[in-house]
Every structure is written in C-alpha cells, then in structure tokens.
Amino acid sequence: MDPRTYNTLILSDLHLGAETSRAREATRMLKQKRFQRLILLGDIFADLNFARLTKEHWKFLGYIRKLSNPKRKVEVVWVEGNHDHGLINIMSHLVGVRVYRQYKWDYSGLRHIAIHGHQFDGFQVNNVRLSKLGTSLYLQLQKLDLKGKPIVRLIDRLNTRWLRMSSKVADGALRHAREHDAARIFCGHTHQALHVERDGIHYYNCGGWVDSRLTYLTVDEDGICIHEYREPVADRGVGLAREEEDESTLADSADDAGLLDAEDEHAESLRSESVEV
C-alpha cells in the first residue's frame, strides 16, 4: 500500500456496464491508496441499463459507498459526465455521495476545478441523440468482439483522434479555467491522460479505465501527478474472464454491497430530489 496520503485522488471514465470496464482494477487501486478526497470525474456508468452491471461493477459501487461513510473521513465527490446523465439523482442516494456538474476547491492557495469535459466537445454538445445511438451500438459491438476487446479498444482510440477530442477539450477547459480564475482544471471524457500548461494555467486529463492503460491523478503538496495502474504480475489474467450472470446473481451482488437497502430507504425522496450545482 502507498504510505502517502494525498489531498485528492481523481479518476474518470470507468463506464460500468461496458464489457471493457476495468472496475476490478479500479477497486484494487482505491484500496491501495490513502486520500482525503476522491473525485469520480464523470462517465462512471456506460449507460442507463443497470442489467449490464457485473459483480465486479457492483463491488466497485459498494466500495464507494463504504468510502462515503463519515467514519472514513473521506470526501467523495461525483461529477456528472455525459454518460451519467439521468443517473445522478439515483446514484447519489444509492452510493451516498453528492453529485456536481462541476466541482471547485482551493488547495495550496490555488483554485482547482473538476469538470468532466464533454462540455468542451462540440460534437457531443451538438449531436446528443447521435452520440447516444453511437453509445448503444458500441456497447452491442463489445459483446461480439474477440477476447480482450481489441476491436472496440481500437475504435475508441481512433474516435478520439478523428474528432481531435483531446485538443478540443484541453482548449475549452483552459478557457473555462481562465474565466473562473482557476490555476488548475481537471477533465476526463477523452480517455487519454494529458497535461497541458498555458499562460500559467494547468490542464490535466485523468484518462480512463476501459483500455490497457489505466490512469488516475493525485493532488498533494508536491503537485499533480498522473499515475498508471499496473496490476501485480501474479494477478494478471486471474479473474478477468467475465461470465454471464443472471438477475438473481446480480441482485445478490448489489445486496452484498449494501446498495439495495439504500435504494428502499431513499425511494420516496428520489421523486423530488434535485442536484444543487
């Protein structure tokens, strides 16, 4: 376990429900780290279909719920992504965390902003229905792909390059940071870890958890660091094959994670709850 305690740890684009989601590795990474604040920077889910969640996906949500317990003294922040839209009110109750469209905080005398980044992706903003259709087709392709999902991973990388999302999101984020007097801004969305500095403002992208390169960010007194998670050699290939699970098995996984009780407890309040930005 890393003995250092970070001020903030940031990860994004886990896409729970997708065949390529690396939820198991993300859970392991979080258990190995110490931090005062955890920011889930959007697209934690792939879409609205909870039936796609596997046992490992429910375990990740269960661990987030444990971290949000006040006894842990960890602030857990969920920032809305384009794939999370429509889920945030429900999951804020089930997992026990507050959800933001963007999150601001001050640290070491500097203003920080965490925002998913799709707001700076012109194609996503102007083609919402087409993007949703593309997501649905992409998820179906994952079921037909070969072991290791080489085709969908290649499509994901080519899509990012073709739309030039990394540069578009970086440019938009840096403008946004300048307008809000922030020295550092953090995004996800592109699935590519990146650092860009312009006129004293720093943009960081924390990458994603659906490809072979699994990355996250940490913030502490030494600055910002982009980390790449590497699974221990002894554990590689163990438990990575996913078997189809029936509804009862998934329900048991959710129950073990302590999520079903929370759903019953807050069912009434879900009807009127709104997210404060």
C-alpha atoms as a PDB file:
ATOM      1  CA  MET A   1       0.000   0.000   0.000  1.00  0.00           C
ATOM      2  CA  ASP A   2       1.161   3.508  -0.822  1.00  0.00           C
ATOM      3  CA  PRO A   3       2.013   5.103   2.574  1.00  0.00           C
ATOM      4  CA  ARG A   4       1.412   8.642   1.296  1.00  0.00           C
ATOM      5  CA  THR A   5      -1.893  10.371   1.990  1.00  0.00           C
ATOM      6  CA  TYR A   6      -2.972  12.502  -0.957  1.00  0.00           C
ATOM      7  CA  ASN A   7      -5.166  15.543  -0.693  1.00  0.00           C
ATOM      8  CA  THR A   8      -7.201  14.408  -3.719  1.00  0.00           C
ATOM      9  CA  LEU A   9      -7.362  11.379  -5.999  1.00  0.00           C
ATOM     10  CA  ILE A  10      -9.234  11.704  -9.320  1.00  0.00           C
ATOM     11  CA  LEU A  11     -10.420   9.013 -11.717  1.00  0.00           C
ATOM     12  CA  SER A  12     -12.936   9.047 -14.546  1.00  0.00           C
ATOM     13  CA  ASP A  13     -14.478   7.075 -17.399  1.00  0.00           C
ATOM     14  CA  LEU A  14     -14.894   3.710 -15.728  1.00  0.00           C
ATOM     15  CA  HIS A  15     -18.015   3.022 -17.844  1.00  0.00           C
ATOM     16  CA  LEU A  16     -19.631   0.486 -15.535  1.00  0.00           C
ATOM     17  CA  GLY A  17     -21.868  -1.758 -17.599  1.00  0.00           C
ATOM     18  CA  ALA A  18     -19.475  -1.883 -20.542  1.00  0.00           C
ATOM     19  CA  GLU A  19     -17.576  -5.049 -21.377  1.00  0.00           C
ATOM     20  CA  THR A  20     -14.322  -3.089 -21.372  1.00  0.00           C
ATOM     21  CA  SER A  21     -14.807  -1.539 -17.921  1.00  0.00           C
ATOM     22  CA  ARG A  22     -11.868  -2.296 -15.613  1.00  0.00           C
ATOM     23  CA  ALA A  23     -13.861  -1.993 -12.388  1.00  0.00           C
ATOM     24  CA  ARG A  24     -11.922  -4.734 -10.634  1.00  0.00           C
ATOM     25  CA  GLU A  25      -8.630  -2.943 -11.146  1.00  0.00           C
ATOM     26  CA  ALA A  26     -10.128   0.414 -10.140  1.00  0.00           C
ATOM     27  CA  THR A  27     -11.381  -1.048  -6.867  1.00  0.00           C
ATOM     28  CA  ARG A  28      -7.974  -2.558  -6.155  1.00  0.00           C
ATOM     29  CA  MET A  29      -6.229   0.721  -6.859  1.00  0.00           C
ATOM     30  CA  LEU A  30      -8.501   2.663  -4.499  1.00  0.00           C
ATOM     31  CA  LYS A  31      -7.936   0.139  -1.718  1.00  0.00           C
ATOM     32  CA  GLN A  32      -4.175   0.612  -2.095  1.00  0.00           C
ATOM     33  CA  LYS A  33      -4.264   4.408  -1.762  1.00  0.00           C
ATOM     34  CA  ARG A  34      -4.924   6.910   1.000  1.00  0.00           C
ATOM     35  CA  PHE A  35      -6.621  10.197   0.213  1.00  0.00           C
ATOM     36  CA  GLN A  36      -8.697  12.892   1.847  1.00  0.00           C
ATOM     37  CA  ARG A  37     -10.886  13.468  -1.194  1.00  0.00           C
ATOM     38  CA  LEU A  38     -11.959  11.212  -4.061  1.00  0.00           C
ATOM     39  CA  ILE A  39     -13.364  12.769  -7.236  1.00  0.00           C
ATOM     40  CA  LEU A  40     -15.232  10.479  -9.637  1.00  0.00           C
ATOM     41  CA  LEU A  41     -14.908  12.680 -12.691  1.00  0.00           C
ATOM     42  CA  GLY A  42     -17.817  11.508 -14.812  1.00  0.00           C
ATOM     43  CA  ASP A  43     -18.832   8.601 -17.044  1.00  0.00           C
ATOM     44  CA  ILE A  44     -18.630   6.173 -14.168  1.00  0.00           C
ATOM     45  CA  PHE A  45     -21.523   4.423 -15.944  1.00  0.00           C
ATOM     46  CA  ALA A  46     -21.735   3.476 -19.620  1.00  0.00           C
ATOM     47  CA  ASP A  47     -25.484   3.999 -19.927  1.00  0.00           C
ATOM     48  CA  LEU A  48     -28.817   3.663 -18.118  1.00  0.00           C
ATOM     49  CA  ASN A  49     -29.029  -0.136 -18.378  1.00  0.00           C
ATOM     50  CA  PHE A  50     -28.265  -1.500 -14.895  1.00  0.00           C
ATOM     51  CA  ALA A  51     -28.773  -5.052 -16.169  1.00  0.00           C
ATOM     52  CA  ARG A  52     -25.307  -4.806 -17.730  1.00  0.00           C
ATOM     53  CA  LEU A  53     -23.618  -4.329 -14.350  1.00  0.00           C
ATOM     54  CA  THR A  54     -21.482  -7.310 -13.384  1.00  0.00           C
ATOM     55  CA  LYS A  55     -20.485  -8.491  -9.927  1.00  0.00           C
ATOM     56  CA  GLU A  56     -17.229  -6.519 -10.140  1.00  0.00           C
ATOM     57  CA  HIS A  57     -19.168  -3.380 -11.084  1.00  0.00           C
ATOM     58  CA  TRP A  58     -21.405  -3.734  -8.031  1.00  0.00           C
ATOM     59  CA  LYS A  59     -18.319  -4.303  -5.860  1.00  0.00           C
ATOM     60  CA  PHE A  60     -16.876  -1.003  -7.052  1.00  0.00           C
ATOM     61  CA  LEU A  61     -20.107   0.819  -6.165  1.00  0.00           C
ATOM     62  CA  GLY A  62     -20.172  -0.931  -2.797  1.00  0.00           C
ATOM     63  CA  TYR A  63     -16.638   0.236  -2.034  1.00  0.00           C
ATOM     64  CA  ILE A  64     -17.527   3.817  -2.982  1.00  0.00           C
ATOM     65  CA  ARG A  65     -20.452   3.615  -0.584  1.00  0.00           C
ATOM     66  CA  LYS A  66     -18.099   2.439   2.175  1.00  0.00           C
ATOM     67  CA  LEU A  67     -15.705   5.314   1.466  1.00  0.00           C
ATOM     68  CA  SER A  68     -18.563   7.813   1.735  1.00  0.00           C
ATOM     69  CA  ASN A  69     -19.257   6.713   5.331  1.00  0.00           C
ATOM     70  CA  PRO A  70     -18.441   9.763   7.546  1.00  0.00           C
ATOM     71  CA  LYS A  71     -16.321   7.496   9.772  1.00  0.00           C
ATOM     72  CA  ARG A  72     -13.847   7.137   6.914  1.00  0.00           C
ATOM     73  CA  LYS A  73     -13.297  10.918   6.847  1.00  0.00           C
ATOM     74  CA  VAL A  74     -13.036  10.884   3.051  1.00  0.00           C
ATOM     75  CA  GLU A  75     -14.909  13.410   0.945  1.00  0.00           C
ATOM     76  CA  VAL A  76     -16.335  11.586  -2.074  1.00  0.00           C
ATOM     77  CA  VAL A  77     -17.380  13.815  -4.979  1.00  0.00           C
ATOM     78  CA  TRP A  78     -19.226  12.622  -8.086  1.00  0.00           C
ATOM     79  CA  VAL A  79     -19.037  14.921 -11.131  1.00  0.00           C
ATOM     80  CA  GLU A  80     -21.632  14.334 -13.844  1.00  0.00           C
ATOM     81  CA  GLY A  81     -20.443  13.062 -17.236  1.00  0.00           C
ATOM     82  CA  ASN A  82     -22.354  12.765 -20.489  1.00  0.00           C
ATOM     83  CA  HIS A  83     -22.916   9.023 -19.916  1.00  0.00           C
ATOM     84  CA  ASP A  84     -24.040   9.630 -16.310  1.00  0.00           C
ATOM     85  CA  HIS A  85     -26.847  11.962 -17.332  1.00  0.00           C
ATOM     86  CA  GLY A  86     -30.133  10.638 -15.954  1.00  0.00           C
ATOM     87  CA  LEU A  87     -28.443   8.503 -13.287  1.00  0.00           C
ATOM     88  CA  ILE A  88     -27.033  11.061 -10.917  1.00  0.00           C
ATOM     89  CA  ASN A  89     -30.075  11.552  -8.677  1.00  0.00           C
ATOM     90  CA  ILE A  90     -30.455   7.810  -8.189  1.00  0.00           C
ATOM     91  CA  MET A  91     -26.797   7.026  -7.623  1.00  0.00           C
ATOM     92  CA  SER A  92     -26.232   9.960  -5.296  1.00  0.00           C
ATOM     93  CA  HIS A  93     -28.625   8.190  -2.933  1.00  0.00           C
ATOM     94  CA  LEU A  94     -27.568   4.603  -3.538  1.00  0.00           C
ATOM     95  CA  VAL A  95     -23.861   5.325  -3.187  1.00  0.00           C
ATOM     96  CA  GLY A  96     -24.264   8.129  -0.656  1.00  0.00           C
ATOM     97  CA  VAL A  97     -22.349  10.887  -2.420  1.00  0.00           C
ATOM     98  CA  ARG A  98     -23.204  14.357  -3.632  1.00  0.00           C
ATOM     99  CA  VAL A  99     -23.212  14.961  -7.388  1.00  0.00           C
ATOM    100  CA  TYR A 100     -21.992  18.124  -9.137  1.00  0.00           C
ATOM    101  CA  ARG A 101     -21.858  19.330 -12.718  1.00  0.00           C
ATOM    102  CA  GLN A 102     -18.508  20.838 -11.806  1.00  0.00           C
ATOM    103  CA  TYR A 103     -16.630  20.908  -8.541  1.00  0.00           C
ATOM    104  CA  LYS A 104     -14.373  23.695  -7.265  1.00  0.00           C
ATOM    105  CA  TRP A 105     -11.979  23.689  -4.348  1.00  0.00           C
ATOM    106  CA  ASP A 106      -8.979  25.629  -3.072  1.00  0.00           C
ATOM    107  CA  TYR A 107      -5.704  23.958  -2.151  1.00  0.00           C
ATOM    108  CA  SER A 108      -2.230  25.389  -1.564  1.00  0.00           C
ATOM    109  CA  GLY A 109      -3.577  28.850  -2.329  1.00  0.00           C
ATOM    110  CA  LEU A 110      -4.787  27.809  -5.796  1.00  0.00           C
ATOM    111  CA  ARG A 111      -8.278  27.413  -7.247  1.00  0.00           C
ATOM    112  CA  HIS A 112      -8.996  23.973  -8.731  1.00  0.00           C
ATOM    113  CA  ILE A 113     -11.885  22.923 -11.000  1.00  0.00           C
ATOM    114  CA  ALA A 114     -13.034  19.396 -11.826  1.00  0.00           C
ATOM    115  CA  ILE A 115     -15.439  19.088 -14.776  1.00  0.00           C
ATOM    116  CA  HIS A 116     -15.957  16.037 -16.993  1.00  0.00           C
ATOM    117  CA  GLY A 117     -15.042  17.769 -20.254  1.00  0.00           C
ATOM    118  CA  HIS A 118     -17.850  16.844 -22.662  1.00  0.00           C
ATOM    119  CA  GLN A 119     -18.963  20.463 -22.336  1.00  0.00           C
ATOM    120  CA  PHE A 120     -15.945  21.379 -24.475  1.00  0.00           C
ATOM    121  CA  ASP A 121     -16.585  18.657 -27.078  1.00  0.00           C
ATOM    122  CA  GLY A 122     -18.561  20.382 -29.842  1.00  0.00           C
ATOM    123  CA  PHE A 123     -19.680  17.130 -31.475  1.00  0.00           C
ATOM    124  CA  GLN A 124     -21.088  15.788 -28.202  1.00  0.00           C
ATOM    125  CA  VAL A 125     -22.876  19.043 -27.399  1.00  0.00           C
ATOM    126  CA  ASN A 126     -24.437  19.430 -30.861  1.00  0.00           C
ATOM    127  CA  ASN A 127     -25.276  15.776 -31.550  1.00  0.00           C
ATOM    128  CA  VAL A 128     -26.682  14.367 -28.310  1.00  0.00           C
ATOM    129  CA  ARG A 129     -29.082  11.874 -29.966  1.00  0.00           C
ATOM    130  CA  LEU A 130     -26.474  10.672 -32.438  1.00  0.00           C
ATOM    131  CA  SER A 131     -23.978  10.231 -29.596  1.00  0.00           C
ATOM    132  CA  LYS A 132     -26.491   8.119 -27.640  1.00  0.00           C
ATOM    133  CA  LEU A 133     -27.099   5.933 -30.707  1.00  0.00           C
ATOM    134  CA  GLY A 134     -23.353   5.526 -31.152  1.00  0.00           C
ATOM    135  CA  THR A 135     -23.002   4.506 -27.498  1.00  0.00           C
ATOM    136  CA  SER A 136     -25.726   1.863 -27.877  1.00  0.00           C
ATOM    137  CA  LEU A 137     -24.095   0.376 -30.989  1.00  0.00           C
ATOM    138  CA  TYR A 138     -20.676   0.494 -29.317  1.00  0.00           C
ATOM    139  CA  LEU A 139     -21.967  -1.479 -26.317  1.00  0.00           C
ATOM    140  CA  GLN A 140     -23.521  -4.096 -28.618  1.00  0.00           C
ATOM    141  CA  LEU A 141     -20.241  -4.433 -30.529  1.00  0.00           C
ATOM    142  CA  GLN A 142     -18.445  -5.158 -27.263  1.00  0.00           C
ATOM    143  CA  LYS A 143     -20.496  -8.352 -26.876  1.00  0.00           C
ATOM    144  CA  LEU A 144     -19.432  -9.574 -30.323  1.00  0.00           C
ATOM    145  CA  ASP A 145     -15.764  -8.634 -30.085  1.00  0.00           C
ATOM    146  CA  LEU A 146     -12.890 -11.035 -29.510  1.00  0.00           C
ATOM    147  CA  LYS A 147     -11.323 -11.787 -26.132  1.00  0.00           C
ATOM    148  CA  GLY A 148      -9.583  -8.705 -24.796  1.00  0.00           C
ATOM    149  CA  LYS A 149     -11.892  -6.478 -26.911  1.00  0.00           C
ATOM    150  CA  PRO A 150      -9.180  -5.394 -29.411  1.00  0.00           C
ATOM    151  CA  ILE A 151     -11.670  -4.025 -31.943  1.00  0.00           C
ATOM    152  CA  VAL A 152     -13.630  -1.779 -29.580  1.00  0.00           C
ATOM    153  CA  ARG A 153     -10.436  -0.516 -27.964  1.00  0.00           C
ATOM    154  CA  LEU A 154      -9.068   0.398 -31.408  1.00  0.00           C
ATOM    155  CA  ILE A 155     -12.330   2.158 -32.302  1.00  0.00           C
ATOM    156  CA  ASP A 156     -12.187   4.120 -29.053  1.00  0.00           C
ATOM    157  CA  ARG A 157      -8.663   5.345 -29.805  1.00  0.00           C
ATOM    158  CA  LEU A 158      -9.408   6.154 -33.451  1.00  0.00           C
ATOM    159  CA  ASN A 159     -12.591   8.001 -32.468  1.00  0.00           C
ATOM    160  CA  THR A 160     -10.689  10.187 -30.043  1.00  0.00           C
ATOM    161  CA  ARG A 161      -8.049  11.056 -32.651  1.00  0.00           C
ATOM    162  CA  TRP A 162     -10.513  11.584 -35.508  1.00  0.00           C
ATOM    163  CA  LEU A 163     -12.625  14.024 -33.511  1.00  0.00           C
ATOM    164  CA  ARG A 164      -9.456  15.618 -32.084  1.00  0.00           C
ATOM    165  CA  MET A 165     -11.178  15.472 -28.708  1.00  0.00           C
ATOM    166  CA  SER A 166      -8.018  15.750 -26.651  1.00  0.00           C
ATOM    167  CA  SER A 167      -7.003  19.114 -28.107  1.00  0.00           C
ATOM    168  CA  LYS A 168     -10.597  20.420 -28.228  1.00  0.00           C
ATOM    169  CA  VAL A 169     -11.282  19.543 -24.615  1.00  0.00           C
ATOM    170  CA  ALA A 170      -7.924  20.936 -23.493  1.00  0.00           C
ATOM    171  CA  ASP A 171      -8.515  24.255 -25.279  1.00  0.00           C
ATOM    172  CA  GLY A 172     -12.037  24.613 -23.915  1.00  0.00           C
ATOM    173  CA  ALA A 173     -11.010  23.631 -20.402  1.00  0.00           C
ATOM    174  CA  LEU A 174      -8.163  26.145 -20.320  1.00  0.00           C
ATOM    175  CA  ARG A 175     -10.542  28.926 -21.411  1.00  0.00           C
ATOM    176  CA  HIS A 176     -13.017  27.830 -18.756  1.00  0.00           C
ATOM    177  CA  ALA A 177     -10.321  27.864 -16.072  1.00  0.00           C
ATOM    178  CA  ARG A 178      -9.221  31.353 -17.087  1.00  0.00           C
ATOM    179  CA  GLU A 179     -12.803  32.641 -16.936  1.00  0.00           C
ATOM    180  CA  HIS A 180     -13.165  31.246 -13.405  1.00  0.00           C
ATOM    181  CA  ASP A 181      -9.752  32.357 -12.106  1.00  0.00           C
ATOM    182  CA  ALA A 182      -8.581  28.768 -11.651  1.00  0.00           C
ATOM    183  CA  ALA A 183      -4.931  27.723 -11.780  1.00  0.00           C
ATOM    184  CA  ARG A 184      -5.667  24.049 -12.389  1.00  0.00           C
ATOM    185  CA  ILE A 185      -8.509  22.285 -14.196  1.00  0.00           C
ATOM    186  CA  PHE A 186      -9.169  18.557 -14.422  1.00  0.00           C
ATOM    187  CA  CYS A 187     -11.194  16.657 -17.032  1.00  0.00           C
ATOM    188  CA  GLY A 188     -11.929  13.154 -18.290  1.00  0.00           C
ATOM    189  CA  HIS A 189     -14.029  12.299 -21.366  1.00  0.00           C
ATOM    190  CA  THR A 190     -11.192  11.729 -23.883  1.00  0.00           C
ATOM    191  CA  HIS A 191      -9.772   8.564 -22.223  1.00  0.00           C
ATOM    192  CA  GLN A 192      -6.277   9.971 -22.779  1.00  0.00           C
ATOM    193  CA  ALA A 193      -4.163  11.139 -19.843  1.00  0.00           C
ATOM    194  CA  LEU A 194      -2.644  14.528 -20.637  1.00  0.00           C
ATOM    195  CA  HIS A 195      -1.059  17.626 -19.116  1.00  0.00           C
ATOM    196  CA  VAL A 196      -1.040  20.993 -20.880  1.00  0.00           C
ATOM    197  CA  GLU A 197       0.224  24.292 -19.422  1.00  0.00           C
ATOM    198  CA  ARG A 198      -0.724  27.605 -20.993  1.00  0.00           C
ATOM    199  CA  ASP A 199      -0.159  31.088 -19.579  1.00  0.00           C
ATOM    200  CA  GLY A 200       0.321  29.707 -16.086  1.00  0.00           C
ATOM    201  CA  ILE A 201      -2.869  27.608 -16.131  1.00  0.00           C
ATOM    202  CA  HIS A 202      -2.558  23.829 -15.972  1.00  0.00           C
ATOM    203  CA  TYR A 203      -4.958  21.391 -17.642  1.00  0.00           C
ATOM    204  CA  TYR A 204      -4.917  17.731 -16.635  1.00  0.00           C
ATOM    205  CA  ASN A 205      -6.865  14.842 -18.120  1.00  0.00           C
ATOM    206  CA  CYS A 206      -7.003  11.759 -15.931  1.00  0.00           C
ATOM    207  CA  GLY A 207      -7.520   9.261 -18.775  1.00  0.00           C
ATOM    208  CA  GLY A 208      -9.847   6.303 -18.287  1.00  0.00           C
ATOM    209  CA  TRP A 209     -10.409   2.714 -17.172  1.00  0.00           C
ATOM    210  CA  VAL A 210     -11.545   0.980 -20.360  1.00  0.00           C
ATOM    211  CA  ASP A 211      -8.249   0.469 -22.182  1.00  0.00           C
ATOM    212  CA  SER A 212      -4.942  -1.232 -21.499  1.00  0.00           C
ATOM    213  CA  ARG A 213      -3.561   1.990 -19.997  1.00  0.00           C
ATOM    214  CA  LEU A 214      -5.345   2.689 -16.698  1.00  0.00           C
ATOM    215  CA  THR A 215      -4.584   6.127 -15.291  1.00  0.00           C
ATOM    216  CA  TYR A 216      -5.599   8.427 -12.459  1.00  0.00           C
ATOM    217  CA  LEU A 217      -4.436  11.706 -10.918  1.00  0.00           C
ATOM    218  CA  THR A 218      -3.295  12.714  -7.450  1.00  0.00           C
ATOM    219  CA  VAL A 219      -3.031  16.157  -5.901  1.00  0.00           C
ATOM    220  CA  ASP A 220      -0.784  16.865  -2.917  1.00  0.00           C
ATOM    221  CA  GLU A 221       1.829  19.333  -1.691  1.00  0.00           C
ATOM    222  CA  ASP A 222       4.288  18.080  -4.313  1.00  0.00           C
ATOM    223  CA  GLY A 223       1.889  18.994  -7.119  1.00  0.00           C
ATOM    224  CA  ILE A 224      -0.129  16.954  -9.622  1.00  0.00           C
ATOM    225  CA  CYS A 225       0.903  13.502 -10.760  1.00  0.00           C
ATOM    226  CA  ILE A 226      -0.518  11.273 -13.499  1.00  0.00           C
ATOM    227  CA  HIS A 227      -0.248   7.651 -12.354  1.00  0.00           C
ATOM    228  CA  GLU A 228      -0.606   4.483 -14.400  1.00  0.00           C
ATOM    229  CA  TYR A 229      -2.025   1.498 -12.561  1.00  0.00           C
ATOM    230  CA  ARG A 230      -0.236  -1.748 -13.236  1.00  0.00           C
ATOM    231  CA  GLU A 231      -1.711  -4.964 -11.911  1.00  0.00           C
ATOM    232  CA  PRO A 232       0.718  -7.188  -9.974  1.00  0.00           C
ATOM    233  CA  VAL A 233       2.228  -9.847 -12.245  1.00  0.00           C
ATOM    234  CA  ALA A 234       0.893 -12.679 -10.091  1.00  0.00           C
ATOM    235  CA  ASP A 235      -2.665 -11.413 -10.556  1.00  0.00           C
ATOM    236  CA  ARG A 236      -2.642 -10.828 -14.301  1.00  0.00           C
ATOM    237  CA  GLY A 237      -5.117 -12.943 -16.141  1.00  0.00           C
ATOM    238  CA  VAL A 238      -6.824 -14.061 -12.927  1.00  0.00           C
ATOM    239  CA  GLY A 239     -10.499 -13.326 -12.779  1.00  0.00           C
ATOM    240  CA  LEU A 240     -10.508 -11.243 -15.953  1.00  0.00           C
ATOM    241  CA  ALA A 241     -12.784 -13.597 -17.894  1.00  0.00           C
ATOM    242  CA  ARG A 242     -16.344 -12.469 -17.406  1.00  0.00           C
ATOM    243  CA  GLU A 243     -19.178 -14.947 -17.183  1.00  0.00           C
ATOM    244  CA  GLU A 244     -22.772 -14.064 -17.822  1.00  0.00           C
ATOM    245  CA  GLU A 245     -24.683 -13.591 -14.592  1.00  0.00           C
ATOM    246  CA  ASP A 246     -28.431 -13.996 -14.181  1.00  0.00           C
ATOM    247  CA  GLU A 247     -30.564 -11.365 -12.474  1.00  0.00           C
ATOM    248  CA  SER A 248     -30.565 -13.114  -9.105  1.00  0.00           C
ATOM    249  CA  THR A 249     -26.752 -13.230  -9.004  1.00  0.00           C
ATOM    250  CA  LEU A 250     -26.536  -9.528  -9.796  1.00  0.00           C
ATOM    251  CA  ALA A 251     -29.132  -8.770  -7.148  1.00  0.00           C
ATOM    252  CA  ASP A 252     -27.080 -10.715  -4.594  1.00  0.00           C
ATOM    253  CA  SER A 253     -24.003  -8.691  -5.558  1.00  0.00           C
ATOM    254  CA  ALA A 254     -25.893  -5.449  -5.089  1.00  0.00           C
ATOM    255  CA  ASP A 255     -27.252  -6.648  -1.768  1.00  0.00           C
ATOM    256  CA  ASP A 256     -23.764  -7.621  -0.576  1.00  0.00           C
ATOM    257  CA  ALA A 257     -22.570  -4.129  -1.479  1.00  0.00           C
ATOM    258  CA  GLY A 258     -25.292  -2.628   0.721  1.00  0.00           C
ATOM    259  CA  LEU A 259     -26.966  -0.864  -2.183  1.00  0.00           C
ATOM    260  CA  LEU A 260     -30.437  -2.415  -2.173  1.00  0.00           C
ATOM    261  CA  ASP A 261     -31.271  -1.261   1.340  1.00  0.00           C
ATOM    262  CA  ALA A 262     -30.215   2.247   0.417  1.00  0.00           C
ATOM    263  CA  GLU A 263     -32.496   2.164  -2.601  1.00  0.00           C
ATOM    264  CA  ASP A 264     -35.513   1.253  -0.460  1.00  0.00           C
ATOM    265  CA  GLU A 265     -34.635   3.837   2.168  1.00  0.00           C
ATOM    266  CA  HIS A 266     -34.471   6.703  -0.297  1.00  0.00           C
ATOM    267  CA  ALA A 267     -37.106   5.619  -2.811  1.00  0.00           C
ATOM    268  CA  GLU A 268     -39.547   8.310  -1.747  1.00  0.00           C
ATOM    269  CA  SER A 269     -37.039  11.157  -1.741  1.00  0.00           C
ATOM    270  CA  LEU A 270     -35.794  10.228  -5.226  1.00  0.00           C
ATOM    271  CA  ARG A 271     -39.032  11.511  -6.714  1.00  0.00           C
ATOM    272  CA  SER A 272     -38.357  15.096  -5.710  1.00  0.00           C
ATOM    273  CA  GLU A 273     -34.597  15.333  -5.239  1.00  0.00           C
ATOM    274  CA  SER A 274     -32.683  17.821  -7.419  1.00  0.00           C
ATOM    275  CA  VAL A 275     -28.938  18.287  -7.748  1.00  0.00           C
ATOM    276  CA  GLU A 276     -27.535  21.569  -6.497  1.00  0.00           C
ATOM    277  CA  VAL A 277     -24.731  22.981  -8.611  1.00  0.00           C
END
